[in-house]
């Protein structure tokens, strides 16, 4: 299988999770607001918390609690994690076209990996509860390797486990973080606009492809 515009056959596709394959913002926001309520703070609007997603749970917690106090952050993080562990898929949905694209790639023998900045524990739980784990040869949450995206290490680690080179792979995500990680790793990268980042920021990140539906990648990667 050869990706359009590529000189070598496509062997692997790496996916981001939140905002790419699943719409998880409501459950993530509920967890962040649980930490705020714990400290007597009012809940934040969904659109505000959505802007904090994508850079890891520590960033989310810090922005939501509006503090740099280590003790308060540590306490809040435990509240956030405890809530999310029990409610991670209450309102989370798989995006239209996600399963169809995964089935398409699986049917063509493409190795697939999942590289997320969500904590590894929650990445595994979420994928299992949504029935998506079976598609991936490798699953890496934020703490599965020393460095998370935009560092290239998780992408390189995933490709190594799949047995593919960066030139034989494509990253699919929904944010500039995914573009930065892919560029640093030597991979081509496509973004979907249905995620958590405004489309003008996605355009500015200069991905190889920017699509409105995951199904568009069937033609791009076919």
Protein backbone atom coordinates (compact mmCIF):
# COMPACT_ATOMS: atom_id res chain seq x y z
CA UNK A 1 0.00 0.00 0.00
CA UNK A 2 1.49 3.34 -1.06
CA UNK A 3 0.48 6.67 0.41
CA UNK A 4 -0.22 9.36 -2.18
CA UNK A 5 2.83 11.48 -2.81
CA UNK A 6 5.15 9.01 -1.08
CA UNK A 7 8.21 7.31 -2.54
CA UNK A 8 7.98 4.23 -0.31
CA UNK A 9 5.11 1.88 0.64
CA UNK A 10 3.09 2.76 3.72
CA UNK A 11 3.76 0.36 6.59
CA UNK A 12 2.42 2.14 9.65
CA UNK A 13 -0.09 4.75 10.77
CA UNK A 14 0.09 6.28 14.23
CA UNK A 15 -2.97 7.91 15.75
CA UNK A 16 -3.55 10.45 18.47
CA UNK A 17 -6.59 9.64 20.65
CA UNK A 18 -8.47 12.57 22.18
CA UNK A 19 -9.92 14.84 19.50
CA UNK A 20 -8.74 12.49 16.74
CA UNK A 21 -10.45 9.13 17.20
CA UNK A 22 -12.73 10.06 20.10
CA UNK A 23 -14.68 13.08 21.30
CA UNK A 24 -13.78 12.96 24.99
CA UNK A 25 -13.93 16.64 25.92
CA UNK A 26 -17.04 16.39 28.10
CA UNK A 27 -15.59 13.68 30.34
CA UNK A 28 -12.21 15.41 30.54
CA UNK A 29 -13.90 18.70 31.44
CA UNK A 30 -16.00 16.99 34.10
CA UNK A 31 -12.84 15.57 35.69
CA UNK A 32 -11.07 18.93 35.64
CA UNK A 33 -14.13 20.59 37.17
CA UNK A 34 -14.29 17.91 39.86
CA UNK A 35 -10.88 19.12 41.00
CA UNK A 36 -12.10 22.73 40.99
CA UNK A 37 -15.22 21.88 42.98
CA UNK A 38 -13.03 20.02 45.48
CA UNK A 39 -11.40 23.37 46.28
CA UNK A 40 -14.67 25.31 46.28
CA UNK A 41 -14.09 26.82 42.84
CA UNK A 42 -16.91 27.20 40.28
CA UNK A 43 -16.96 24.85 37.31
CA UNK A 44 -15.45 26.13 34.07
CA UNK A 45 -17.38 26.18 30.78
CA UNK A 46 -16.72 23.26 28.45
CA UNK A 47 -15.14 25.46 25.78
CA UNK A 48 -12.61 26.83 28.29
CA UNK A 49 -11.46 23.41 29.49
CA UNK A 50 -11.34 22.14 25.90
CA UNK A 51 -8.61 24.69 25.23
CA UNK A 52 -6.47 23.05 27.91
CA UNK A 53 -6.57 19.56 26.37
CA UNK A 54 -3.69 18.07 24.41
CA UNK A 55 -0.60 18.90 26.44
CA UNK A 56 -1.00 16.30 29.17
CA UNK A 57 -2.87 15.92 32.44
CA UNK A 58 -0.49 18.09 34.45
CA UNK A 59 -1.07 21.02 32.10
CA UNK A 60 -4.83 20.47 32.26
CA UNK A 61 -4.79 20.34 36.05
CA UNK A 62 -2.60 23.44 36.39
CA UNK A 63 -4.70 25.52 34.01
CA UNK A 64 -7.97 24.35 35.56
CA UNK A 65 -6.88 25.10 39.12
CA UNK A 66 -5.21 28.39 38.19
CA UNK A 67 -2.31 27.84 40.54
CA UNK A 68 1.37 26.93 40.67
CA UNK A 69 1.26 25.75 44.30
CA UNK A 70 2.78 22.23 44.31
CA UNK A 71 0.70 20.89 47.18
CA UNK A 72 -2.57 22.19 45.75
CA UNK A 73 -1.69 20.84 42.30
CA UNK A 74 -0.84 17.40 43.70
CA UNK A 75 -4.09 17.22 45.66
CA UNK A 76 -6.12 18.42 42.71
CA UNK A 77 -4.46 15.96 40.36
CA UNK A 78 -5.45 13.04 42.56
CA UNK A 79 -9.07 14.26 42.62
CA UNK A 80 -9.03 14.66 38.83
CA UNK A 81 -7.55 11.19 38.30
CA UNK A 82 -9.93 9.49 40.74
CA UNK A 83 -12.95 11.04 39.04
CA UNK A 84 -11.75 10.33 35.51
CA UNK A 85 -10.84 6.73 36.30
CA UNK A 86 -14.52 6.06 37.04
CA UNK A 87 -16.10 8.32 34.43
CA UNK A 88 -13.73 8.33 31.43
CA UNK A 89 -16.33 7.18 28.90
CA UNK A 90 -19.59 8.45 30.40
CA UNK A 91 -20.08 10.92 27.54
CA UNK A 92 -17.18 10.01 25.25
CA UNK A 93 -18.01 9.06 21.67
CA UNK A 94 -15.99 7.53 18.83
CA UNK A 95 -15.88 10.02 15.96
CA UNK A 96 -17.77 9.11 12.77
CA UNK A 97 -15.48 7.33 10.33
CA UNK A 98 -12.95 6.22 12.94
CA UNK A 99 -13.86 2.54 12.99
CA UNK A 100 -14.25 2.49 9.20
CA UNK A 101 -10.76 3.93 8.75
CA UNK A 102 -9.23 1.52 11.27
CA UNK A 103 -10.93 -1.42 9.55
CA UNK A 104 -9.69 -0.18 6.17
CA UNK A 105 -6.08 0.02 7.33
CA UNK A 106 -6.25 -3.29 9.19
CA UNK A 107 -7.63 -4.98 6.10
CA UNK A 108 -4.62 -3.78 4.11
CA UNK A 109 -2.09 -5.03 6.62
CA UNK A 110 -1.00 -1.61 7.87
CA UNK A 111 0.51 -1.64 11.37
CA UNK A 112 -1.27 0.82 13.64
CA UNK A 113 -0.12 2.50 16.82
CA UNK A 114 -1.78 4.82 19.31
CA UNK A 115 0.33 7.67 20.72
CA UNK A 116 -1.47 9.89 23.22
CA UNK A 117 -0.63 12.57 25.76
CA UNK A 118 -3.36 11.10 27.97
CA UNK A 119 -1.87 9.14 30.91
CA UNK A 120 -1.11 5.57 29.86
CA UNK A 121 -3.51 4.08 32.42
CA UNK A 122 -6.43 6.10 31.11
CA UNK A 123 -5.47 5.54 27.50
CA UNK A 124 -5.69 1.77 28.00
CA UNK A 125 -8.96 1.97 29.95
CA UNK A 126 -10.59 4.26 27.39
CA UNK A 127 -9.60 2.18 24.37
CA UNK A 128 -10.73 -1.03 26.04
CA UNK A 129 -14.12 0.38 27.08
CA UNK A 130 -14.72 1.74 23.57
CA UNK A 131 -13.66 -1.50 21.86
CA UNK A 132 -10.72 0.07 20.00
CA UNK A 133 -7.74 -1.67 21.63
CA UNK A 134 -7.80 -4.56 19.15
CA UNK A 135 -6.69 -2.36 16.26
CA UNK A 136 -3.32 -1.34 17.66
CA UNK A 137 -0.02 -3.20 17.76
CA UNK A 138 1.32 -0.65 20.23
CA UNK A 139 -0.40 1.78 22.62
CA UNK A 140 1.58 4.52 24.33
CA UNK A 141 0.13 6.98 26.80
CA UNK A 142 2.01 10.05 28.00
CA UNK A 143 3.99 8.27 30.73
CA UNK A 144 4.74 5.09 28.76
CA UNK A 145 8.06 6.62 27.67
CA UNK A 146 10.18 9.37 29.29
CA UNK A 147 9.09 12.10 26.86
CA UNK A 148 5.60 12.85 25.54
CA UNK A 149 4.58 14.67 22.35
CA UNK A 150 5.74 17.02 20.85
CA UNK A 151 8.98 15.13 21.56
CA UNK A 152 9.51 12.49 18.84
CA UNK A 153 10.38 9.70 21.29
CA UNK A 154 6.89 8.14 21.58
CA UNK A 155 6.51 8.12 17.80
CA UNK A 156 9.91 6.52 17.31
CA UNK A 157 9.15 3.97 20.04
CA UNK A 158 5.83 3.04 18.44
CA UNK A 159 7.37 2.67 14.98
CA UNK A 160 10.15 0.50 16.38
CA UNK A 161 7.59 -1.87 17.91
CA UNK A 162 5.64 -1.99 14.65
CA UNK A 163 8.78 -2.46 12.57
CA UNK A 164 8.53 0.61 10.35
CA UNK A 165 10.72 3.59 9.52
CA UNK A 166 9.48 7.20 9.80
CA UNK A 167 9.57 7.46 6.00
CA UNK A 168 7.15 4.49 5.85
CA UNK A 169 4.66 5.97 8.30
CA UNK A 170 2.04 8.68 8.77
CA UNK A 171 0.84 10.36 11.95
CA UNK A 172 -2.83 11.34 12.25
CA UNK A 173 -3.84 13.81 14.94
CA UNK A 174 -5.86 16.91 15.69
CA UNK A 175 -3.43 19.51 17.00
CA UNK A 176 -0.18 21.38 16.34
CA UNK A 177 1.39 19.12 18.99
CA UNK A 178 0.93 16.17 16.63
CA UNK A 179 2.48 18.11 13.75
CA UNK A 180 5.49 19.08 15.86
CA UNK A 181 6.02 15.50 17.00
CA UNK A 182 5.68 14.12 13.49
CA UNK A 183 8.06 16.67 11.99
CA UNK A 184 10.62 15.99 14.73
CA UNK A 185 10.38 12.27 14.05
CA UNK A 186 10.62 12.55 10.26
CA UNK A 187 7.04 11.46 9.58
CA UNK A 188 4.32 12.89 7.37
CA UNK A 189 1.29 14.10 9.27
CA UNK A 190 -2.41 14.62 8.69
CA UNK A 191 -4.85 16.48 10.94
CA UNK A 192 -8.61 16.26 11.38
CA UNK A 193 -10.56 19.46 12.02
CA UNK A 194 -13.24 17.88 14.22
CA UNK A 195 -11.00 17.92 17.30
CA UNK A 196 -10.30 20.43 20.04
CA UNK A 197 -8.24 23.04 18.15
CA UNK A 198 -9.69 25.80 15.91
CA UNK A 199 -9.11 25.19 12.21
CA UNK A 200 -7.04 28.36 11.72
CA UNK A 201 -4.46 27.02 14.19
CA UNK A 202 -4.39 23.70 12.39
CA UNK A 203 -3.76 25.43 9.07
CA UNK A 204 -0.99 27.47 10.65
CA UNK A 205 0.69 24.27 11.88
CA UNK A 206 1.17 23.32 8.20
CA UNK A 207 0.31 19.60 8.20
CA UNK A 208 0.66 17.57 5.03
CA UNK A 209 -3.11 17.09 5.01
CA UNK A 210 -6.00 18.75 6.84
CA UNK A 211 -9.35 16.99 6.53
CA UNK A 212 -12.83 17.36 7.97
CA UNK A 213 -13.52 13.63 8.23
CA UNK A 214 -11.36 10.64 9.09
CA UNK A 215 -12.83 8.84 6.09
CA UNK A 216 -10.93 11.19 3.79
CA UNK A 217 -7.77 9.39 4.83
CA UNK A 218 -8.93 6.26 2.98
CA UNK A 219 -8.23 8.01 -0.30
CA UNK A 220 -5.14 9.83 0.95
CA UNK A 221 -3.52 6.65 2.30
CA UNK A 222 -4.93 4.30 -0.33
